[in-house]
Amino acid sequence: MAVIHLEVTGRVQGVGFRWFVRERARALELAGWVRNRDDGKLEVAAMGSEDALSVLISAVQDGPPGAAVREVVHRQPPQDADYPRPFSVRR
């Protein structure tokens, strides 16, 4: 199992991005979560096969209709990161 931790910047809040990521991740049978951050970024933590994670990363780079992704930054997952199943939206 592989893990990713992403920070997404651009117009990523208020456009259904969290639900878009949740549905893609669940379809790919990934564990993890997505949330809006107070600084306007979107954060994604996911665990699963490398192939499924690559598909999710591509989906995040495109985003849902109405979004405008400026940058997707790969971060080191925190040591205490959890990856719930099913993939969920955090507040």
C-alpha atoms as a PDB file:
ATOM      1  CA  MET A   1       0.000   0.000   0.000  1.00  0.00           C
ATOM      2  CA  ALA A   2       1.186   3.471  -0.875  1.00  0.00           C
ATOM      3  CA  VAL A   3       0.134   6.817   0.609  1.00  0.00           C
ATOM      4  CA  ILE A   4      -0.134  10.379  -0.669  1.00  0.00           C
ATOM      5  CA  HIS A   5      -0.699  13.685   1.069  1.00  0.00           C
ATOM      6  CA  LEU A   6      -1.588  16.589  -1.238  1.00  0.00           C
ATOM      7  CA  GLU A   7      -2.142  20.342  -0.874  1.00  0.00           C
ATOM      8  CA  VAL A   8      -4.222  21.820  -3.666  1.00  0.00           C
ATOM      9  CA  THR A   9      -4.333  25.565  -4.369  1.00  0.00           C
ATOM     10  CA  GLY A  10      -6.480  27.670  -6.661  1.00  0.00           C
ATOM     11  CA  ARG A  11     -10.263  27.989  -6.768  1.00  0.00           C
ATOM     12  CA  VAL A  12     -10.827  24.764  -4.837  1.00  0.00           C
ATOM     13  CA  GLN A  13     -13.388  25.730  -2.189  1.00  0.00           C
ATOM     14  CA  GLY A  14     -17.070  26.316  -2.793  1.00  0.00           C
ATOM     15  CA  VAL A  15     -17.079  24.320  -6.044  1.00  0.00           C
ATOM     16  CA  GLY A  16     -17.857  20.789  -4.791  1.00  0.00           C
ATOM     17  CA  PHE A  17     -14.217  19.742  -4.807  1.00  0.00           C
ATOM     18  CA  ARG A  18     -14.353  17.723  -1.579  1.00  0.00           C
ATOM     19  CA  TRP A  19     -17.304  15.673  -2.824  1.00  0.00           C
ATOM     20  CA  PHE A  20     -15.631  15.241  -6.205  1.00  0.00           C
ATOM     21  CA  VAL A  21     -12.501  13.814  -4.523  1.00  0.00           C
ATOM     22  CA  ARG A  22     -14.537  11.624  -2.176  1.00  0.00           C
ATOM     23  CA  GLU A  23     -16.478  10.032  -5.026  1.00  0.00           C
ATOM     24  CA  ARG A  24     -13.343   9.441  -7.132  1.00  0.00           C
ATOM     25  CA  ALA A  25     -11.459   7.963  -4.164  1.00  0.00           C
ATOM     26  CA  ARG A  26     -14.335   5.665  -3.211  1.00  0.00           C
ATOM     27  CA  ALA A  27     -14.667   4.447  -6.807  1.00  0.00           C
ATOM     28  CA  LEU A  28     -10.931   3.644  -6.695  1.00  0.00           C
ATOM     29  CA  GLU A  29     -11.370   1.849  -3.336  1.00  0.00           C
ATOM     30  CA  LEU A  30      -8.941   4.177  -1.573  1.00  0.00           C
ATOM     31  CA  ALA A  31      -8.882   4.907   2.148  1.00  0.00           C
ATOM     32  CA  GLY A  32      -8.366   8.434   3.477  1.00  0.00           C
ATOM     33  CA  TRP A  33      -9.935  11.856   3.631  1.00  0.00           C
ATOM     34  CA  VAL A  34     -10.239  15.299   2.055  1.00  0.00           C
ATOM     35  CA  ARG A  35     -10.827  18.649   3.758  1.00  0.00           C
ATOM     36  CA  ASN A  36     -10.900  22.393   3.207  1.00  0.00           C
ATOM     37  CA  ARG A  37      -8.255  24.289   5.127  1.00  0.00           C
ATOM     38  CA  ASP A  38      -8.631  27.716   6.689  1.00  0.00           C
ATOM     39  CA  ASP A  39      -5.926  29.093   4.371  1.00  0.00           C
ATOM     40  CA  GLY A  40      -8.097  28.389   1.288  1.00  0.00           C
ATOM     41  CA  LYS A  41      -6.268  25.230   0.241  1.00  0.00           C
ATOM     42  CA  LEU A  42      -7.689  21.742  -0.093  1.00  0.00           C
ATOM     43  CA  GLU A  43      -5.902  18.836   1.608  1.00  0.00           C
ATOM     44  CA  VAL A  44      -6.062  15.185   0.531  1.00  0.00           C
ATOM     45  CA  ALA A  45      -4.661  12.136   2.333  1.00  0.00           C
ATOM     46  CA  ALA A  46      -5.129   8.767   0.641  1.00  0.00           C
ATOM     47  CA  MET A  47      -3.864   5.199   0.854  1.00  0.00           C
ATOM     48  CA  GLY A  48      -4.155   2.385  -1.674  1.00  0.00           C
ATOM     49  CA  SER A  49      -2.507   0.930  -4.731  1.00  0.00           C
ATOM     50  CA  GLU A  50      -0.054   3.097  -6.635  1.00  0.00           C
ATOM     51  CA  ASP A  51      -2.171   2.813  -9.782  1.00  0.00           C
ATOM     52  CA  ALA A  52      -5.320   4.011  -8.008  1.00  0.00           C
ATOM     53  CA  LEU A  53      -3.422   6.860  -6.351  1.00  0.00           C
ATOM     54  CA  SER A  54      -2.080   7.968  -9.749  1.00  0.00           C
ATOM     55  CA  VAL A  55      -5.631   8.096 -11.112  1.00  0.00           C
ATOM     56  CA  LEU A  56      -6.739  10.159  -8.087  1.00  0.00           C
ATOM     57  CA  ILE A  57      -3.834  12.587  -8.506  1.00  0.00           C
ATOM     58  CA  SER A  58      -4.810  13.126 -12.156  1.00  0.00           C
ATOM     59  CA  ALA A  59      -8.423  13.762 -11.139  1.00  0.00           C
ATOM     60  CA  VAL A  60      -7.325  16.265  -8.474  1.00  0.00           C
ATOM     61  CA  GLN A  61      -5.132  18.103 -10.986  1.00  0.00           C
ATOM     62  CA  ASP A  62      -8.176  18.582 -13.234  1.00  0.00           C
ATOM     63  CA  GLY A  63     -10.776  19.121 -10.501  1.00  0.00           C
ATOM     64  CA  PRO A  64     -14.538  19.348 -10.895  1.00  0.00           C
ATOM     65  CA  PRO A  65     -16.365  21.820 -13.144  1.00  0.00           C
ATOM     66  CA  GLY A  66     -16.037  25.310 -11.667  1.00  0.00           C
ATOM     67  CA  ALA A  67     -12.675  24.639 -10.037  1.00  0.00           C
ATOM     68  CA  ALA A  68      -9.401  26.160 -11.166  1.00  0.00           C
ATOM     69  CA  VAL A  69      -6.456  24.169  -9.830  1.00  0.00           C
ATOM     70  CA  ARG A  70      -3.325  26.266  -9.728  1.00  0.00           C
ATOM     71  CA  GLU A  71      -0.966  23.836  -8.008  1.00  0.00           C
ATOM     72  CA  VAL A  72      -0.890  20.362  -6.461  1.00  0.00           C
ATOM     73  CA  VAL A  73       1.949  19.915  -3.973  1.00  0.00           C
ATOM     74  CA  HIS A  74       2.960  16.491  -2.664  1.00  0.00           C
ATOM     75  CA  ARG A  75       3.744  16.631   1.057  1.00  0.00           C
ATOM     76  CA  GLN A  76       5.292  14.087   3.379  1.00  0.00           C
ATOM     77  CA  PRO A  77       2.460  12.304   5.212  1.00  0.00           C
ATOM     78  CA  PRO A  78       2.505  12.985   8.969  1.00  0.00           C
ATOM     79  CA  GLN A  79       3.639  10.079  11.151  1.00  0.00           C
ATOM     80  CA  ASP A  80       0.242   9.934  12.877  1.00  0.00           C
ATOM     81  CA  ALA A  81      -1.848  10.191   9.706  1.00  0.00           C
ATOM     82  CA  ASP A  82      -4.955   8.037   9.621  1.00  0.00           C
ATOM     83  CA  TYR A  83      -6.703   6.722   6.530  1.00  0.00           C
ATOM     84  CA  PRO A  84     -10.335   5.853   7.273  1.00  0.00           C
ATOM     85  CA  ARG A  85     -12.383   3.592   5.094  1.00  0.00           C
ATOM     86  CA  PRO A  86     -14.585   4.502   3.354  1.00  0.00           C
ATOM     87  CA  PHE A  87     -12.843   7.630   2.109  1.00  0.00           C
ATOM     88  CA  SER A  88     -14.455  10.603   3.867  1.00  0.00           C
ATOM     89  CA  VAL A  89     -14.881  14.360   3.890  1.00  0.00           C
ATOM     90  CA  ARG A  90     -13.506  16.082   6.988  1.00  0.00           C
ATOM     91  CA  ARG A  91     -14.608  19.449   8.235  1.00  0.00           C
END
